[in-house]
Amino acid sequence: MSKRPTNAPDPQPGDFDAELEAISEEDLEFVEAGSGIAISIEVLIEGEDARRLAKIASERGQPPGEVVADLVRSAA
């Protein structure tokens, strides 16, 4: 099988093999099915963007993570 172009829209078998081999058991969290849907994402925001986010969060009386979650919900 020839390698697909890097601009193809969908992953192909083998695309993530190196990343999967690098995962250790410490990187994994096993969750029982039906326990709810959640995702944790670490976002690094620095400098002026971090100050803006902190100001928006303070004005809304929300933690910064909730401000980001609101942004994601409004984008959908």
PDB file of N, CA and C in Angstrom:
ATOM      1  N   MET A   1       0.858  -1.170   0.000  1.00  0.00           N
ATOM      2  CA  MET A   1       0.000   0.000   0.000  1.00  0.00           C
ATOM      3  C   MET A   1       0.902   1.231   0.000  1.00  0.00           C
ATOM      4  N   SER A   2       0.659   2.168  -0.905  1.00  0.00           N
ATOM      5  CA  SER A   2       1.465   3.380  -0.940  1.00  0.00           C
ATOM      6  C   SER A   2       0.990   4.351   0.129  1.00  0.00           C
ATOM      7  N   LYS A   3       1.898   5.182   0.577  1.00  0.00           N
ATOM      8  CA  LYS A   3       1.564   6.163   1.610  1.00  0.00           C
ATOM      9  C   LYS A   3       0.648   7.217   1.008  1.00  0.00           C
ATOM     10  N   ARG A   4      -0.389   7.564   1.745  1.00  0.00           N
ATOM     11  CA  ARG A   4      -1.359   8.547   1.252  1.00  0.00           C
ATOM     12  C   ARG A   4      -0.788   9.948   1.368  1.00  0.00           C
ATOM     13  N   PRO A   5      -1.327  10.910   0.630  1.00  0.00           N
ATOM     14  CA  PRO A   5      -0.883  12.294   0.776  1.00  0.00           C
ATOM     15  C   PRO A   5      -1.200  12.813   2.174  1.00  0.00           C
ATOM     16  N   THR A   6      -0.381  13.722   2.689  1.00  0.00           N
ATOM     17  CA  THR A   6      -0.584  14.219   4.040  1.00  0.00           C
ATOM     18  C   THR A   6      -1.825  15.088   4.165  1.00  0.00           C
ATOM     19  N   ASN A   7      -2.424  15.492   3.058  1.00  0.00           N
ATOM     20  CA  ASN A   7      -3.623  16.317   3.128  1.00  0.00           C
ATOM     21  C   ASN A   7      -4.908  15.506   3.008  1.00  0.00           C
ATOM     22  N   ALA A   8      -4.799  14.174   3.040  1.00  0.00           N
ATOM     23  CA  ALA A   8      -5.995  13.335   2.994  1.00  0.00           C
ATOM     24  C   ALA A   8      -6.805  13.565   4.269  1.00  0.00           C
ATOM     25  N   PRO A   9      -8.143  13.568   4.173  1.00  0.00           N
ATOM     26  CA  PRO A   9      -8.966  13.938   5.323  1.00  0.00           C
ATOM     27  C   PRO A   9      -9.055  12.901   6.442  1.00  0.00           C
ATOM     28  N   ASP A  10      -8.863  11.646   6.153  1.00  0.00           N
ATOM     29  CA  ASP A  10      -9.076  10.612   7.170  1.00  0.00           C
ATOM     30  C   ASP A  10      -7.785   9.864   7.479  1.00  0.00           C
ATOM     31  N   PRO A  11      -7.596   9.483   8.742  1.00  0.00           N
ATOM     32  CA  PRO A  11      -6.422   8.682   9.091  1.00  0.00           C
ATOM     33  C   PRO A  11      -6.476   7.325   8.403  1.00  0.00           C
ATOM     34  N   GLN A  12      -5.320   6.788   8.140  1.00  0.00           N
ATOM     35  CA  GLN A  12      -5.213   5.484   7.505  1.00  0.00           C
ATOM     36  C   GLN A  12      -4.539   4.518   8.467  1.00  0.00           C
ATOM     37  N   PRO A  13      -4.714   3.205   8.262  1.00  0.00           N
ATOM     38  CA  PRO A  13      -4.039   2.233   9.122  1.00  0.00           C
ATOM     39  C   PRO A  13      -2.542   2.513   9.161  1.00  0.00           C
ATOM     40  N   GLY A  14      -2.002   2.519  10.364  1.00  0.00           N
ATOM     41  CA  GLY A  14      -0.570   2.752  10.538  1.00  0.00           C
ATOM     42  C   GLY A  14      -0.186   4.188  10.804  1.00  0.00           C
ATOM     43  N   ASP A  15      -1.099   5.131  10.602  1.00  0.00           N
ATOM     44  CA  ASP A  15      -0.769   6.546  10.780  1.00  0.00           C
ATOM     45  C   ASP A  15      -0.310   6.873  12.193  1.00  0.00           C
ATOM     46  N   PHE A  16      -0.821   6.176  13.196  1.00  0.00           N
ATOM     47  CA  PHE A  16      -0.516   6.510  14.585  1.00  0.00           C
ATOM     48  C   PHE A  16       0.250   5.398  15.294  1.00  0.00           C
ATOM     49  N   ASP A  17       0.828   4.476  14.545  1.00  0.00           N
ATOM     50  CA  ASP A  17       1.531   3.353  15.162  1.00  0.00           C
ATOM     51  C   ASP A  17       2.654   3.808  16.084  1.00  0.00           C
ATOM     52  N   ALA A  18       3.469   4.760  15.662  1.00  0.00           N
ATOM     53  CA  ALA A  18       4.598   5.220  16.480  1.00  0.00           C
ATOM     54  C   ALA A  18       4.100   5.841  17.784  1.00  0.00           C
ATOM     55  N   GLU A  19       3.036   6.642  17.706  1.00  0.00           N
ATOM     56  CA  GLU A  19       2.492   7.270  18.902  1.00  0.00           C
ATOM     57  C   GLU A  19       1.923   6.231  19.852  1.00  0.00           C
ATOM     58  N   LEU A  20       1.218   5.239  19.313  1.00  0.00           N
ATOM     59  CA  LEU A  20       0.629   4.196  20.150  1.00  0.00           C
ATOM     60  C   LEU A  20       1.702   3.351  20.833  1.00  0.00           C
ATOM     61  N   GLU A  21       2.809   3.092  20.142  1.00  0.00           N
ATOM     62  CA  GLU A  21       3.897   2.320  20.738  1.00  0.00           C
ATOM     63  C   GLU A  21       4.572   3.091  21.862  1.00  0.00           C
ATOM     64  N   ALA A  22       4.522   4.414  21.820  1.00  0.00           N
ATOM     65  CA  ALA A  22       5.185   5.244  22.836  1.00  0.00           C
ATOM     66  C   ALA A  22       4.357   5.386  24.113  1.00  0.00           C
ATOM     67  N   ILE A  23       3.095   4.983  24.086  1.00  0.00           N
ATOM     68  CA  ILE A  23       2.223   5.116  25.256  1.00  0.00           C
ATOM     69  C   ILE A  23       2.580   4.054  26.288  1.00  0.00           C
ATOM     70  N   SER A  24       2.698   4.489  27.537  1.00  0.00           N
ATOM     71  CA  SER A  24       2.945   3.539  28.620  1.00  0.00           C
ATOM     72  C   SER A  24       1.666   3.388  29.440  1.00  0.00           C
ATOM     73  N   GLU A  25       1.654   2.422  30.338  1.00  0.00           N
ATOM     74  CA  GLU A  25       0.466   2.203  31.164  1.00  0.00           C
ATOM     75  C   GLU A  25       0.166   3.409  32.040  1.00  0.00           C
ATOM     76  N   GLU A  26       1.188   4.176  32.415  1.00  0.00           N
ATOM     77  CA  GLU A  26       0.986   5.369  33.228  1.00  0.00           C
ATOM     78  C   GLU A  26       0.225   6.448  32.470  1.00  0.00           C
ATOM     79  N   ASP A  27       0.240   6.380  31.129  1.00  0.00           N
ATOM     80  CA  ASP A  27      -0.449   7.362  30.292  1.00  0.00           C
ATOM     81  C   ASP A  27      -1.935   7.046  30.132  1.00  0.00           C
ATOM     82  N   LEU A  28      -2.357   5.868  30.547  1.00  0.00           N
ATOM     83  CA  LEU A  28      -3.717   5.415  30.288  1.00  0.00           C
ATOM     84  C   LEU A  28      -4.594   5.509  31.527  1.00  0.00           C
ATOM     85  N   GLU A  29      -5.862   5.776  31.293  1.00  0.00           N
ATOM     86  CA  GLU A  29      -6.856   5.733  32.354  1.00  0.00           C
ATOM     87  C   GLU A  29      -8.009   4.889  31.842  1.00  0.00           C
ATOM     88  N   PHE A  30      -8.316   3.821  32.541  1.00  0.00           N
ATOM     89  CA  PHE A  30      -9.396   2.951  32.135  1.00  0.00           C
ATOM     90  C   PHE A  30     -10.682   3.389  32.836  1.00  0.00           C
ATOM     91  N   VAL A  31     -11.746   3.535  32.053  1.00  0.00           N
ATOM     92  CA  VAL A  31     -13.028   3.992  32.568  1.00  0.00           C
ATOM     93  C   VAL A  31     -14.082   2.978  32.150  1.00  0.00           C
ATOM     94  N   GLU A  32     -14.933   2.599  33.097  1.00  0.00           N
ATOM     95  CA  GLU A  32     -15.987   1.650  32.773  1.00  0.00           C
ATOM     96  C   GLU A  32     -17.012   2.288  31.847  1.00  0.00           C
ATOM     97  N   ALA A  33     -17.523   1.510  30.929  1.00  0.00           N
ATOM     98  CA  ALA A  33     -18.546   2.003  30.004  1.00  0.00           C
ATOM     99  C   ALA A  33     -19.757   2.487  30.786  1.00  0.00           C
ATOM    100  N   GLY A  34     -20.348   3.553  30.303  1.00  0.00           N
ATOM    101  CA  GLY A  34     -21.538   4.083  30.934  1.00  0.00           C
ATOM    102  C   GLY A  34     -21.251   5.034  32.082  1.00  0.00           C
ATOM    103  N   SER A  35     -19.993   5.370  32.308  1.00  0.00           N
ATOM    104  CA  SER A  35     -19.664   6.240  33.432  1.00  0.00           C
ATOM    105  C   SER A  35     -19.781   7.721  33.076  1.00  0.00           C
ATOM    106  N   GLY A  36     -20.243   8.040  31.899  1.00  0.00           N
ATOM    107  CA  GLY A  36     -20.383   9.439  31.490  1.00  0.00           C
ATOM    108  C   GLY A  36     -19.331   9.815  30.467  1.00  0.00           C
ATOM    109  N   ILE A  37     -19.566  10.915  29.804  1.00  0.00           N
ATOM    110  CA  ILE A  37     -18.653  11.372  28.766  1.00  0.00           C
ATOM    111  C   ILE A  37     -17.895  12.583  29.279  1.00  0.00           C
ATOM    112  N   ALA A  38     -16.600  12.531  29.176  1.00  0.00           N
ATOM    113  CA  ALA A  38     -15.765  13.666  29.569  1.00  0.00           C
ATOM    114  C   ALA A  38     -14.452  13.581  28.823  1.00  0.00           C
ATOM    115  N   ILE A  39     -13.846  14.715  28.603  1.00  0.00           N
ATOM    116  CA  ILE A  39     -12.519  14.763  28.007  1.00  0.00           C
ATOM    117  C   ILE A  39     -11.738  15.840  28.745  1.00  0.00           C
ATOM    118  N   SER A  40     -10.498  15.558  28.992  1.00  0.00           N
ATOM    119  CA  SER A  40      -9.618  16.538  29.621  1.00  0.00           C
ATOM    120  C   SER A  40      -8.584  16.959  28.598  1.00  0.00           C
ATOM    121  N   ILE A  41      -8.432  18.249  28.444  1.00  0.00           N
ATOM    122  CA  ILE A  41      -7.468  18.785  27.497  1.00  0.00           C
ATOM    123  C   ILE A  41      -6.629  19.831  28.225  1.00  0.00           C
ATOM    124  N   GLU A  42      -5.338  19.716  28.110  1.00  0.00           N
ATOM    125  CA  GLU A  42      -4.457  20.713  28.696  1.00  0.00           C
ATOM    126  C   GLU A  42      -4.163  21.758  27.627  1.00  0.00           C
ATOM    127  N   VAL A  43      -4.480  23.002  27.943  1.00  0.00           N
ATOM    128  CA  VAL A  43      -4.275  24.108  27.008  1.00  0.00           C
ATOM    129  C   VAL A  43      -3.258  25.058  27.621  1.00  0.00           C
ATOM    130  N   LEU A  44      -2.232  25.396  26.872  1.00  0.00           N
ATOM    131  CA  LEU A  44      -1.228  26.338  27.344  1.00  0.00           C
ATOM    132  C   LEU A  44      -1.497  27.690  26.701  1.00  0.00           C
ATOM    133  N   ILE A  45      -1.813  28.669  27.525  1.00  0.00           N
ATOM    134  CA  ILE A  45      -2.065  30.032  27.058  1.00  0.00           C
ATOM    135  C   ILE A  45      -1.086  30.923  27.805  1.00  0.00           C
ATOM    136  N   GLU A  46      -0.351  31.734  27.069  1.00  0.00           N
ATOM    137  CA  GLU A  46       0.679  32.562  27.677  1.00  0.00           C
ATOM    138  C   GLU A  46       0.477  34.033  27.352  1.00  0.00           C
ATOM    139  N   GLY A  47       1.164  34.858  28.089  1.00  0.00           N
ATOM    140  CA  GLY A  47       1.243  36.278  27.793  1.00  0.00           C
ATOM    141  C   GLY A  47      -0.095  36.989  27.786  1.00  0.00           C
ATOM    142  N   GLU A  48      -0.274  37.819  26.776  1.00  0.00           N
ATOM    143  CA  GLU A  48      -1.476  38.647  26.681  1.00  0.00           C
ATOM    144  C   GLU A  48      -2.743  37.796  26.576  1.00  0.00           C
ATOM    145  N   ASP A  49      -2.680  36.674  25.884  1.00  0.00           N
ATOM    146  CA  ASP A  49      -3.853  35.801  25.785  1.00  0.00           C
ATOM    147  C   ASP A  49      -4.254  35.267  27.161  1.00  0.00           C
ATOM    148  N   ALA A  50      -3.270  34.920  27.994  1.00  0.00           N
ATOM    149  CA  ALA A  50      -3.562  34.439  29.343  1.00  0.00           C
ATOM    150  C   ALA A  50      -4.206  35.551  30.172  1.00  0.00           C
ATOM    151  N   ARG A  51      -3.717  36.759  30.030  1.00  0.00           N
ATOM    152  CA  ARG A  51      -4.313  37.882  30.767  1.00  0.00           C
ATOM    153  C   ARG A  51      -5.753  38.135  30.308  1.00  0.00           C
ATOM    154  N   ARG A  52      -5.989  38.047  29.002  1.00  0.00           N
ATOM    155  CA  ARG A  52      -7.353  38.235  28.489  1.00  0.00           C
ATOM    156  C   ARG A  52      -8.292  37.174  29.047  1.00  0.00           C
ATOM    157  N   LEU A  53      -7.848  35.910  29.025  1.00  0.00           N
ATOM    158  CA  LEU A  53      -8.680  34.826  29.538  1.00  0.00           C
ATOM    159  C   LEU A  53      -8.967  35.026  31.024  1.00  0.00           C
ATOM    160  N   ALA A  54      -7.960  35.399  31.796  1.00  0.00           N
ATOM    161  CA  ALA A  54      -8.162  35.633  33.222  1.00  0.00           C
ATOM    162  C   ALA A  54      -9.153  36.773  33.450  1.00  0.00           C
ATOM    163  N   LYS A  55      -9.060  37.823  32.653  1.00  0.00           N
ATOM    164  CA  LYS A  55      -9.979  38.968  32.790  1.00  0.00           C
ATOM    165  C   LYS A  55     -11.408  38.554  32.449  1.00  0.00           C
ATOM    166  N   ILE A  56     -11.591  37.830  31.357  1.00  0.00           N
ATOM    167  CA  ILE A  56     -12.929  37.369  30.958  1.00  0.00           C
ATOM    168  C   ILE A  56     -13.512  36.474  32.051  1.00  0.00           C
ATOM    169  N   ALA A  57     -12.694  35.542  32.564  1.00  0.00           N
ATOM    170  CA  ALA A  57     -13.160  34.627  33.605  1.00  0.00           C
ATOM    171  C   ALA A  57     -13.570  35.392  34.852  1.00  0.00           C
ATOM    172  N   SER A  58     -12.775  36.379  35.235  1.00  0.00           N
ATOM    173  CA  SER A  58     -13.086  37.182  36.414  1.00  0.00           C
ATOM    174  C   SER A  58     -14.387  37.962  36.224  1.00  0.00           C
ATOM    175  N   GLU A  59     -14.551  38.552  35.047  1.00  0.00           N
ATOM    176  CA  GLU A  59     -15.773  39.320  34.760  1.00  0.00           C
ATOM    177  C   GLU A  59     -17.016  38.435  34.782  1.00  0.00           C
ATOM    178  N   ARG A  60     -16.874  37.200  34.353  1.00  0.00           N
ATOM    179  CA  ARG A  60     -18.008  36.271  34.321  1.00  0.00           C
ATOM    180  C   ARG A  60     -18.208  35.547  35.645  1.00  0.00           C
ATOM    181  N   GLY A  61     -17.223  35.622  36.531  1.00  0.00           N
ATOM    182  CA  GLY A  61     -17.301  34.870  37.775  1.00  0.00           C
ATOM    183  C   GLY A  61     -17.183  33.374  37.540  1.00  0.00           C
ATOM    184  N   GLN A  62     -16.423  32.988  36.527  1.00  0.00           N
ATOM    185  CA  GLN A  62     -16.246  31.586  36.172  1.00  0.00           C
ATOM    186  C   GLN A  62     -14.765  31.233  36.207  1.00  0.00           C
ATOM    187  N   PRO A  63     -14.456  29.956  36.380  1.00  0.00           N
ATOM    188  CA  PRO A  63     -13.060  29.546  36.214  1.00  0.00           C
ATOM    189  C   PRO A  63     -12.681  29.616  34.727  1.00  0.00           C
ATOM    190  N   PRO A  64     -11.405  29.805  34.413  1.00  0.00           N
ATOM    191  CA  PRO A  64     -10.977  29.894  33.013  1.00  0.00           C
ATOM    192  C   PRO A  64     -11.413  28.694  32.168  1.00  0.00           C
ATOM    193  N   GLY A  65     -11.403  27.493  32.745  1.00  0.00           N
ATOM    194  CA  GLY A  65     -11.815  26.306  31.987  1.00  0.00           C
ATOM    195  C   GLY A  65     -13.259  26.379  31.522  1.00  0.00           C
ATOM    196  N   GLU A  66     -14.127  26.965  32.339  1.00  0.00           N
ATOM    197  CA  GLU A  66     -15.531  27.102  31.946  1.00  0.00           C
ATOM    198  C   GLU A  66     -15.690  28.126  30.830  1.00  0.00           C
ATOM    199  N   VAL A  67     -14.863  29.167  30.844  1.00  0.00           N
ATOM    200  CA  VAL A  67     -14.888  30.156  29.757  1.00  0.00           C
ATOM    201  C   VAL A  67     -14.509  29.472  28.441  1.00  0.00           C
ATOM    202  N   VAL A  68     -13.480  28.646  28.481  1.00  0.00           N
ATOM    203  CA  VAL A  68     -13.060  27.918  27.274  1.00  0.00           C
ATOM    204  C   VAL A  68     -14.154  26.945  26.844  1.00  0.00           C
ATOM    205  N   ALA A  69     -14.789  26.245  27.799  1.00  0.00           N
ATOM    206  CA  ALA A  69     -15.876  25.314  27.470  1.00  0.00           C
ATOM    207  C   ALA A  69     -17.042  26.061  26.824  1.00  0.00           C
ATOM    208  N   ASP A  70     -17.356  27.261  27.318  1.00  0.00           N
ATOM    209  CA  ASP A  70     -18.421  28.069  26.703  1.00  0.00           C
ATOM    210  C   ASP A  70     -18.068  28.420  25.263  1.00  0.00           C
ATOM    211  N   LEU A  71     -16.803  28.726  25.024  1.00  0.00           N
ATOM    212  CA  LEU A  71     -16.358  29.045  23.666  1.00  0.00           C
ATOM    213  C   LEU A  71     -16.548  27.847  22.736  1.00  0.00           C
ATOM    214  N   VAL A  72     -16.197  26.675  23.216  1.00  0.00           N
ATOM    215  CA  VAL A  72     -16.349  25.453  22.413  1.00  0.00           C
ATOM    216  C   VAL A  72     -17.833  25.201  22.133  1.00  0.00           C
ATOM    217  N   ARG A  73     -18.681  25.351  23.161  1.00  0.00           N
ATOM    218  CA  ARG A  73     -20.125  25.125  22.961  1.00  0.00           C
ATOM    219  C   ARG A  73     -20.705  26.108  21.958  1.00  0.00           C
ATOM    220  N   SER A  74     -20.286  27.358  22.007  1.00  0.00           N
ATOM    221  CA  SER A  74     -20.849  28.363  21.086  1.00  0.00           C
ATOM    222  C   SER A  74     -20.344  28.173  19.663  1.00  0.00           C
ATOM    223  N   ALA A  75     -19.203  27.502  19.501  1.00  0.00           N
ATOM    224  CA  ALA A  75     -18.649  27.279  18.159  1.00  0.00           C
ATOM    225  C   ALA A  75     -19.343  26.123  17.444  1.00  0.00           C
ATOM    226  N   ALA A  76     -20.024  25.279  18.182  1.00  0.00           N
ATOM    227  CA  ALA A  76     -20.630  24.069  17.585  1.00  0.00           C
ATOM    228  C   ALA A  76     -21.847  24.379  16.786  1.00  0.00           C
TER     229      ALA A  76
END
